[in-house]
Amino acid sequence: HITGGVTALFATWVLGPRRGRFFDAQGEPLEVPKPFPGHSVALQLLGTMVLWFGWFGFNPGSALLLGGPNNGEIAARAAVSTALAGAAGGGSAL
């Protein structure tokens, strides 16, 4: 996580603020930032579903690598925990 965080910090430093939102064409700061248009709800949902599907591959899959006698039970519990965590997150977001 720290690698991703540091990378994002440097990327925002290099890229700077959004063009045209905080500064005009001459580089002068605007008194009031321009409004930020809304995003695509369909793409947000698609990204969420892709990420959630990836969790189902990662969490139970890594539980299968433990090498114990009851790998299936551990992987099943990891899958149920992943599903419940996603449902709880979605419910709390509402």
Protein backbone atom coordinates (compact mmCIF):
# COMPACT_ATOMS: atom_id res chain seq x y z
CA HIS A 1 0.00 0.00 0.00
CA ILE A 2 2.79 2.42 0.73
CA THR A 3 4.22 1.87 -2.76
CA GLY A 4 0.90 2.76 -4.36
CA GLY A 5 0.44 5.74 -2.07
CA VAL A 6 3.88 7.18 -2.76
CA THR A 7 3.43 6.60 -6.49
CA ALA A 8 0.07 8.40 -6.42
CA LEU A 9 1.58 11.27 -4.45
CA PHE A 10 4.37 11.77 -6.99
CA ALA A 11 1.94 11.38 -9.90
CA THR A 12 -0.28 14.14 -8.54
CA TRP A 13 2.75 16.32 -7.96
CA VAL A 14 3.96 15.81 -11.54
CA LEU A 15 0.54 16.19 -13.16
CA GLY A 16 -0.62 19.13 -11.05
CA PRO A 17 -4.20 20.38 -10.75
CA ARG A 18 -6.81 19.76 -13.44
CA ARG A 19 -6.35 22.06 -16.42
CA GLY A 20 -8.97 24.76 -16.69
CA ARG A 21 -10.56 24.07 -13.33
CA PHE A 22 -8.48 26.18 -10.96
CA PHE A 23 -6.54 28.37 -13.43
CA ASP A 24 -7.51 30.18 -16.63
CA ALA A 25 -5.74 29.85 -20.03
CA GLN A 26 -3.07 32.38 -18.99
CA GLY A 27 -2.29 30.53 -15.76
CA GLU A 28 -4.02 33.01 -13.46
CA PRO A 29 -5.97 31.47 -10.56
CA LEU A 30 -9.75 31.64 -10.82
CA GLU A 31 -11.72 33.18 -7.97
CA VAL A 32 -14.14 30.25 -7.95
CA PRO A 33 -13.13 26.86 -9.36
CA LYS A 34 -15.18 25.64 -12.31
CA PRO A 35 -17.65 22.88 -11.42
CA PHE A 36 -16.54 19.30 -11.92
CA PRO A 37 -18.89 17.35 -14.22
CA GLY A 38 -20.42 14.11 -13.00
CA HIS A 39 -18.97 10.70 -13.78
CA SER A 40 -20.44 7.71 -15.53
CA VAL A 41 -22.41 5.59 -13.08
CA ALA A 42 -22.19 2.62 -15.44
CA LEU A 43 -18.38 2.76 -15.46
CA GLN A 44 -18.31 3.08 -11.66
CA LEU A 45 -20.45 -0.03 -11.35
CA LEU A 46 -18.33 -1.91 -13.89
CA GLY A 47 -15.12 -1.04 -12.01
CA THR A 48 -16.65 -2.10 -8.72
CA MET A 49 -17.77 -5.43 -10.13
CA VAL A 50 -14.35 -6.12 -11.72
CA LEU A 51 -12.62 -5.34 -8.42
CA TRP A 52 -15.06 -7.50 -6.45
CA PHE A 53 -14.61 -10.37 -8.91
CA GLY A 54 -10.84 -10.06 -8.50
CA TRP A 55 -11.20 -10.35 -4.73
CA PHE A 56 -12.93 -13.70 -5.20
CA GLY A 57 -9.90 -14.94 -7.10
CA PHE A 58 -7.38 -13.52 -4.67
CA ASN A 59 -8.84 -14.24 -1.22
CA PRO A 60 -9.93 -17.89 -1.61
CA GLY A 61 -7.04 -18.54 -4.00
CA SER A 62 -4.43 -17.43 -1.52
CA ALA A 63 -6.17 -19.48 1.18
CA LEU A 64 -5.67 -22.57 -0.98
CA LEU A 65 -1.90 -22.00 -0.92
CA LEU A 66 -1.69 -22.62 2.84
CA GLY A 67 -1.06 -26.33 2.29
CA GLY A 68 -3.10 -27.68 5.19
CA PRO A 69 -5.50 -30.61 5.34
CA ASN A 70 -8.66 -28.46 5.23
CA ASN A 71 -7.80 -25.98 2.46
CA GLY A 72 -11.27 -26.20 0.95
CA GLU A 73 -12.97 -25.14 4.17
CA ILE A 74 -10.60 -22.20 4.64
CA ALA A 75 -11.09 -21.08 1.03
CA ALA A 76 -14.87 -21.37 1.40
CA ARG A 77 -14.78 -19.22 4.53
CA ALA A 78 -12.62 -16.68 2.71
CA ALA A 79 -15.15 -16.58 -0.16
CA VAL A 80 -18.07 -16.10 2.24
CA SER A 81 -16.19 -13.39 4.12
CA THR A 82 -15.45 -11.65 0.82
CA ALA A 83 -19.10 -11.74 -0.20
CA LEU A 84 -20.29 -10.49 3.18
CA ALA A 85 -17.71 -7.71 3.22
CA GLY A 86 -18.82 -6.51 -0.20
CA ALA A 87 -22.47 -6.65 0.82
CA ALA A 88 -21.79 -4.78 4.05
CA GLY A 89 -19.80 -2.12 2.21
CA GLY A 90 -22.58 -1.69 -0.34
CA GLY A 91 -25.21 -1.56 2.38
CA SER A 92 -23.32 1.03 4.40
CA ALA A 93 -22.81 3.15 1.27
CA LEU A 94 -26.57 3.40 0.83
